[in-house]
PDB file of N, CA and C in Angstrom:
ATOM      1  N   UNK A   1      35.692 -60.544  15.518  1.00  0.00           N
ATOM      2  CA  UNK A   1      35.883 -61.710  14.702  1.00  0.00           C
ATOM      3  C   UNK A   1      35.068 -61.520  13.408  1.00  0.00           C
ATOM      4  N   UNK A   2      35.685 -61.745  12.274  1.00  0.00           N
ATOM      5  CA  UNK A   2      34.951 -61.579  11.018  1.00  0.00           C
ATOM      6  C   UNK A   2      33.877 -62.648  10.842  1.00  0.00           C
ATOM      7  N   UNK A   3      32.835 -62.262  10.177  1.00  0.00           N
ATOM      8  CA  UNK A   3      31.714 -63.170   9.909  1.00  0.00           C
ATOM      9  C   UNK A   3      32.057 -64.031   8.693  1.00  0.00           C
ATOM     10  N   UNK A   4      31.735 -65.325   8.727  1.00  0.00           N
ATOM     11  CA  UNK A   4      31.984 -66.155   7.552  1.00  0.00           C
ATOM     12  C   UNK A   4      31.104 -65.696   6.383  1.00  0.00           C
ATOM     13  N   UNK A   5      31.587 -65.858   5.169  1.00  0.00           N
ATOM     14  CA  UNK A   5      30.790 -65.427   4.017  1.00  0.00           C
ATOM     15  C   UNK A   5      29.520 -66.265   3.896  1.00  0.00           C
ATOM     16  N   UNK A   6      28.475 -65.638   3.379  1.00  0.00           N
ATOM     17  CA  UNK A   6      27.225 -66.375   3.185  1.00  0.00           C
ATOM     18  C   UNK A   6      27.412 -67.431   2.101  1.00  0.00           C
ATOM     19  N   UNK A   7      26.689 -68.518   2.175  1.00  0.00           N
ATOM     20  CA  UNK A   7      26.788 -69.546   1.148  1.00  0.00           C
ATOM     21  C   UNK A   7      26.399 -69.002  -0.230  1.00  0.00           C
ATOM     22  N   UNK A   8      26.998 -69.555  -1.242  1.00  0.00           N
ATOM     23  CA  UNK A   8      26.728 -69.121  -2.616  1.00  0.00           C
ATOM     24  C   UNK A   8      25.231 -69.179  -2.910  1.00  0.00           C
ATOM     25  N   UNK A   9      24.738 -68.142  -3.553  1.00  0.00           N
ATOM     26  CA  UNK A   9      23.341 -68.103  -3.950  1.00  0.00           C
ATOM     27  C   UNK A   9      22.405 -67.464  -2.930  1.00  0.00           C
ATOM     28  N   UNK A  10      22.946 -67.016  -1.803  1.00  0.00           N
ATOM     29  CA  UNK A  10      22.124 -66.422  -0.750  1.00  0.00           C
ATOM     30  C   UNK A  10      22.628 -65.020  -0.452  1.00  0.00           C
ATOM     31  N   UNK A  11      21.698 -64.093  -0.271  1.00  0.00           N
ATOM     32  CA  UNK A  11      22.056 -62.717   0.006  1.00  0.00           C
ATOM     33  C   UNK A  11      22.457 -62.467   1.444  1.00  0.00           C
ATOM     34  N   UNK A  12      22.028 -63.334   2.349  1.00  0.00           N
ATOM     35  CA  UNK A  12      22.344 -63.165   3.767  1.00  0.00           C
ATOM     36  C   UNK A  12      22.228 -64.509   4.466  1.00  0.00           C
ATOM     37  N   UNK A  13      22.733 -64.549   5.692  1.00  0.00           N
ATOM     38  CA  UNK A  13      22.582 -65.762   6.489  1.00  0.00           C
ATOM     39  C   UNK A  13      21.115 -66.002   6.838  1.00  0.00           C
ATOM     40  N   UNK A  14      20.341 -64.933   6.978  1.00  0.00           N
ATOM     41  CA  UNK A  14      18.904 -65.114   7.237  1.00  0.00           C
ATOM     42  C   UNK A  14      18.214 -65.771   6.044  1.00  0.00           C
ATOM     43  N   UNK A  15      18.572 -65.348   4.836  1.00  0.00           N
ATOM     44  CA  UNK A  15      18.009 -65.989   3.645  1.00  0.00           C
ATOM     45  C   UNK A  15      18.361 -67.473   3.619  1.00  0.00           C
ATOM     46  N   UNK A  16      19.614 -67.779   3.931  1.00  0.00           N
ATOM     47  CA  UNK A  16      20.050 -69.172   3.972  1.00  0.00           C
ATOM     48  C   UNK A  16      19.266 -69.963   5.018  1.00  0.00           C
ATOM     49  N   UNK A  17      19.114 -69.380   6.211  1.00  0.00           N
ATOM     50  CA  UNK A  17      18.401 -70.066   7.289  1.00  0.00           C
ATOM     51  C   UNK A  17      16.951 -70.351   6.915  1.00  0.00           C
ATOM     52  N   UNK A  18      16.310 -69.391   6.280  1.00  0.00           N
ATOM     53  CA  UNK A  18      14.910 -69.576   5.875  1.00  0.00           C
ATOM     54  C   UNK A  18      14.799 -70.692   4.838  1.00  0.00           C
ATOM     55  N   UNK A  19      15.644 -70.655   3.848  1.00  0.00           N
ATOM     56  CA  UNK A  19      15.531 -71.621   2.749  1.00  0.00           C
ATOM     57  C   UNK A  19      15.955 -73.032   3.125  1.00  0.00           C
ATOM     58  N   UNK A  20      16.782 -73.167   4.151  1.00  0.00           N
ATOM     59  CA  UNK A  20      17.257 -74.497   4.530  1.00  0.00           C
ATOM     60  C   UNK A  20      16.656 -74.994   5.838  1.00  0.00           C
ATOM     61  N   UNK A  21      15.722 -74.227   6.398  1.00  0.00           N
ATOM     62  CA  UNK A  21      15.143 -74.618   7.687  1.00  0.00           C
ATOM     63  C   UNK A  21      14.369 -75.933   7.588  1.00  0.00           C
ATOM     64  N   UNK A  22      14.384 -76.662   8.678  1.00  0.00           N
ATOM     65  CA  UNK A  22      13.645 -77.919   8.771  1.00  0.00           C
ATOM     66  C   UNK A  22      12.245 -77.608   9.265  1.00  0.00           C
ATOM     67  N   UNK A  23      11.268 -77.809   8.419  1.00  0.00           N
ATOM     68  CA  UNK A  23       9.884 -77.492   8.777  1.00  0.00           C
ATOM     69  C   UNK A  23       9.111 -78.714   9.273  1.00  0.00           C
ATOM     70  N   UNK A  24       9.752 -79.868   9.306  1.00  0.00           N
ATOM     71  CA  UNK A  24       9.029 -81.095   9.683  1.00  0.00           C
ATOM     72  C   UNK A  24       8.454 -81.030  11.084  1.00  0.00           C
ATOM     73  N   UNK A  25       9.223 -80.521  12.033  1.00  0.00           N
ATOM     74  CA  UNK A  25       8.736 -80.452  13.415  1.00  0.00           C
ATOM     75  C   UNK A  25       7.538 -79.518  13.515  1.00  0.00           C
ATOM     76  N   UNK A  26       7.625 -78.376  12.856  1.00  0.00           N
ATOM     77  CA  UNK A  26       6.499 -77.439  12.873  1.00  0.00           C
ATOM     78  C   UNK A  26       5.271 -78.060  12.224  1.00  0.00           C
ATOM     79  N   UNK A  27       5.472 -78.792  11.162  1.00  0.00           N
ATOM     80  CA  UNK A  27       4.361 -79.441  10.462  1.00  0.00           C
ATOM     81  C   UNK A  27       3.716 -80.526  11.328  1.00  0.00           C
ATOM     82  N   UNK A  28       4.524 -81.190  12.144  1.00  0.00           N
ATOM     83  CA  UNK A  28       3.999 -82.263  13.005  1.00  0.00           C
ATOM     84  C   UNK A  28       2.972 -81.725  14.009  1.00  0.00           C
ATOM     85  N   UNK A  29       3.092 -80.462  14.387  1.00  0.00           N
ATOM     86  CA  UNK A  29       2.134 -79.883  15.333  1.00  0.00           C
ATOM     87  C   UNK A  29       0.713 -79.898  14.774  1.00  0.00           C
ATOM     88  N   UNK A  30       0.591 -79.895  13.473  1.00  0.00           N
ATOM     89  CA  UNK A  30      -0.724 -79.855  12.833  1.00  0.00           C
ATOM     90  C   UNK A  30      -1.173 -81.223  12.317  1.00  0.00           C
ATOM     91  N   UNK A  31      -0.337 -82.243  12.522  1.00  0.00           N
ATOM     92  CA  UNK A  31      -0.604 -83.553  11.945  1.00  0.00           C
ATOM     93  C   UNK A  31      -1.961 -84.122  12.363  1.00  0.00           C
ATOM     94  N   UNK A  32      -2.305 -84.011  13.626  1.00  0.00           N
ATOM     95  CA  UNK A  32      -3.555 -84.597  14.096  1.00  0.00           C
ATOM     96  C   UNK A  32      -4.565 -83.540  14.540  1.00  0.00           C
ATOM     97  N   UNK A  33      -4.425 -82.356  14.023  1.00  0.00           N
ATOM     98  CA  UNK A  33      -5.358 -81.295  14.383  1.00  0.00           C
ATOM     99  C   UNK A  33      -6.421 -81.151  13.305  1.00  0.00           C
ATOM    100  N   UNK A  34      -7.337 -80.255  13.550  1.00  0.00           N
ATOM    101  CA  UNK A  34      -8.384 -80.008  12.558  1.00  0.00           C
ATOM    102  C   UNK A  34      -7.800 -79.409  11.282  1.00  0.00           C
ATOM    103  N   UNK A  35      -6.567 -78.873  11.384  1.00  0.00           N
ATOM    104  CA  UNK A  35      -5.892 -78.282  10.228  1.00  0.00           C
ATOM    105  C   UNK A  35      -5.116 -79.312   9.416  1.00  0.00           C
ATOM    106  N   UNK A  36      -5.207 -80.585   9.794  1.00  0.00           N
ATOM    107  CA  UNK A  36      -4.415 -81.621   9.128  1.00  0.00           C
ATOM    108  C   UNK A  36      -4.596 -81.549   7.616  1.00  0.00           C
ATOM    109  N   UNK A  37      -3.495 -81.569   6.912  1.00  0.00           N
ATOM    110  CA  UNK A  37      -3.536 -81.549   5.454  1.00  0.00           C
ATOM    111  C   UNK A  37      -3.629 -80.154   4.859  1.00  0.00           C
ATOM    112  N   UNK A  38      -3.911 -79.158   5.682  1.00  0.00           N
ATOM    113  CA  UNK A  38      -4.048 -77.797   5.187  1.00  0.00           C
ATOM    114  C   UNK A  38      -2.683 -77.157   4.966  1.00  0.00           C
ATOM    115  N   UNK A  39      -1.685 -77.561   5.748  1.00  0.00           N
ATOM    116  CA  UNK A  39      -0.369 -76.957   5.672  1.00  0.00           C
ATOM    117  C   UNK A  39       0.632 -77.920   5.060  1.00  0.00           C
ATOM    118  N   UNK A  40       1.617 -77.367   4.424  1.00  0.00           N
ATOM    119  CA  UNK A  40       2.710 -78.150   3.849  1.00  0.00           C
ATOM    120  C   UNK A  40       4.025 -77.525   4.278  1.00  0.00           C
ATOM    121  N   UNK A  41       5.105 -78.238   4.036  1.00  0.00           N
ATOM    122  CA  UNK A  41       6.418 -77.676   4.347  1.00  0.00           C
ATOM    123  C   UNK A  41       6.628 -76.388   3.557  1.00  0.00           C
ATOM    124  N   UNK A  42       6.184 -76.371   2.327  1.00  0.00           N
ATOM    125  CA  UNK A  42       6.353 -75.178   1.501  1.00  0.00           C
ATOM    126  C   UNK A  42       5.514 -74.015   2.029  1.00  0.00           C
ATOM    127  N   UNK A  43       4.301 -74.278   2.509  1.00  0.00           N
ATOM    128  CA  UNK A  43       3.473 -73.179   3.027  1.00  0.00           C
ATOM    129  C   UNK A  43       4.083 -72.596   4.304  1.00  0.00           C
ATOM    130  N   UNK A  44       4.731 -73.425   5.106  1.00  0.00           N
ATOM    131  CA  UNK A  44       5.403 -72.924   6.305  1.00  0.00           C
ATOM    132  C   UNK A  44       6.602 -72.070   5.904  1.00  0.00           C
ATOM    133  N   UNK A  45       7.392 -72.553   4.939  1.00  0.00           N
ATOM    134  CA  UNK A  45       8.541 -71.763   4.474  1.00  0.00           C
ATOM    135  C   UNK A  45       8.084 -70.431   3.882  1.00  0.00           C
ATOM    136  N   UNK A  46       6.978 -70.439   3.157  1.00  0.00           N
ATOM    137  CA  UNK A  46       6.481 -69.195   2.577  1.00  0.00           C
ATOM    138  C   UNK A  46       6.058 -68.225   3.672  1.00  0.00           C
ATOM    139  N   UNK A  47       5.459 -68.739   4.734  1.00  0.00           N
ATOM    140  CA  UNK A  47       5.079 -67.882   5.858  1.00  0.00           C
ATOM    141  C   UNK A  47       6.316 -67.240   6.487  1.00  0.00           C
ATOM    142  N   UNK A  48       7.393 -68.002   6.602  1.00  0.00           N
ATOM    143  CA  UNK A  48       8.634 -67.464   7.161  1.00  0.00           C
ATOM    144  C   UNK A  48       9.236 -66.428   6.214  1.00  0.00           C
ATOM    145  N   UNK A  49       9.220 -66.713   4.910  1.00  0.00           N
ATOM    146  CA  UNK A  49       9.704 -65.734   3.930  1.00  0.00           C
ATOM    147  C   UNK A  49       8.918 -64.431   4.039  1.00  0.00           C
ATOM    148  N   UNK A  50       7.600 -64.558   4.156  1.00  0.00           N
ATOM    149  CA  UNK A  50       6.744 -63.373   4.272  1.00  0.00           C
ATOM    150  C   UNK A  50       7.080 -62.564   5.523  1.00  0.00           C
ATOM    151  N   UNK A  51       7.305 -63.254   6.641  1.00  0.00           N
ATOM    152  CA  UNK A  51       7.663 -62.560   7.872  1.00  0.00           C
ATOM    153  C   UNK A  51       9.009 -61.850   7.737  1.00  0.00           C
ATOM    154  N   UNK A  52       9.975 -62.491   7.088  1.00  0.00           N
ATOM    155  CA  UNK A  52      11.278 -61.870   6.884  1.00  0.00           C
ATOM    156  C   UNK A  52      11.158 -60.652   5.975  1.00  0.00           C
ATOM    157  N   UNK A  53      10.356 -60.747   4.948  1.00  0.00           N
ATOM    158  CA  UNK A  53      10.124 -59.605   4.063  1.00  0.00           C
ATOM    159  C   UNK A  53       9.505 -58.448   4.827  1.00  0.00           C
ATOM    160  N   UNK A  54       8.525 -58.737   5.660  1.00  0.00           N
ATOM    161  CA  UNK A  54       7.877 -57.702   6.466  1.00  0.00           C
ATOM    162  C   UNK A  54       8.862 -57.091   7.459  1.00  0.00           C
ATOM    163  N   UNK A  55       9.684 -57.908   8.079  1.00  0.00           N
ATOM    164  CA  UNK A  55      10.696 -57.406   9.004  1.00  0.00           C
ATOM    165  C   UNK A  55      11.657 -56.462   8.288  1.00  0.00           C
ATOM    166  N   UNK A  56      12.082 -56.846   7.100  1.00  0.00           N
ATOM    167  CA  UNK A  56      12.981 -55.990   6.327  1.00  0.00           C
ATOM    168  C   UNK A  56      12.289 -54.684   5.923  1.00  0.00           C
ATOM    169  N   UNK A  57      11.031 -54.772   5.570  1.00  0.00           N
ATOM    170  CA  UNK A  57      10.286 -53.570   5.201  1.00  0.00           C
ATOM    171  C   UNK A  57      10.203 -52.603   6.385  1.00  0.00           C
ATOM    172  N   UNK A  58       9.894 -53.146   7.553  1.00  0.00           N
ATOM    173  CA  UNK A  58       9.803 -52.310   8.750  1.00  0.00           C
ATOM    174  C   UNK A  58      11.160 -51.718   9.121  1.00  0.00           C
ATOM    175  N   UNK A  59      12.206 -52.498   8.983  1.00  0.00           N
ATOM    176  CA  UNK A  59      13.548 -51.994   9.305  1.00  0.00           C
ATOM    177  C   UNK A  59      13.931 -50.864   8.362  1.00  0.00           C
ATOM    178  N   UNK A  60      13.636 -51.017   7.085  1.00  0.00           N
ATOM    179  CA  UNK A  60      13.937 -49.969   6.116  1.00  0.00           C
ATOM    180  C   UNK A  60      13.148 -48.702   6.409  1.00  0.00           C
ATOM    181  N   UNK A  61      11.903 -48.891   6.813  1.00  0.00           N
ATOM    182  CA  UNK A  61      11.039 -47.739   7.122  1.00  0.00           C
ATOM    183  C   UNK A  61      11.549 -46.980   8.347  1.00  0.00           C
ATOM    184  N   UNK A  62      12.048 -47.713   9.342  1.00  0.00           N
ATOM    185  CA  UNK A  62      12.490 -47.056  10.573  1.00  0.00           C
ATOM    186  C   UNK A  62      13.851 -46.376  10.413  1.00  0.00           C
ATOM    187  N   UNK A  63      14.618 -46.784   9.427  1.00  0.00           N
ATOM    188  CA  UNK A  63      15.935 -46.164   9.227  1.00  0.00           C
ATOM    189  C   UNK A  63      15.905 -45.108   8.138  1.00  0.00           C
ATOM    190  N   UNK A  64      14.835 -45.081   7.375  1.00  0.00           N
ATOM    191  CA  UNK A  64      14.802 -44.168   6.235  1.00  0.00           C
ATOM    192  C   UNK A  64      13.963 -43.006   6.464  1.00  0.00           C
TER     193      UNK A  64
END
């Protein structure tokens, strides 16, 4: 079965998933902890972007 095309402006479905992910639930885990106020939705998204970048780097290294 063919894969649906990625949404406009995104290089892959993973890019789309990262940029549109709901970070509210993850942020709620820190709401009443000692880390309260230290994290934001944007900082969580950046952490996910960083992990995806690292995953891509490792994949390129293992195939190249």
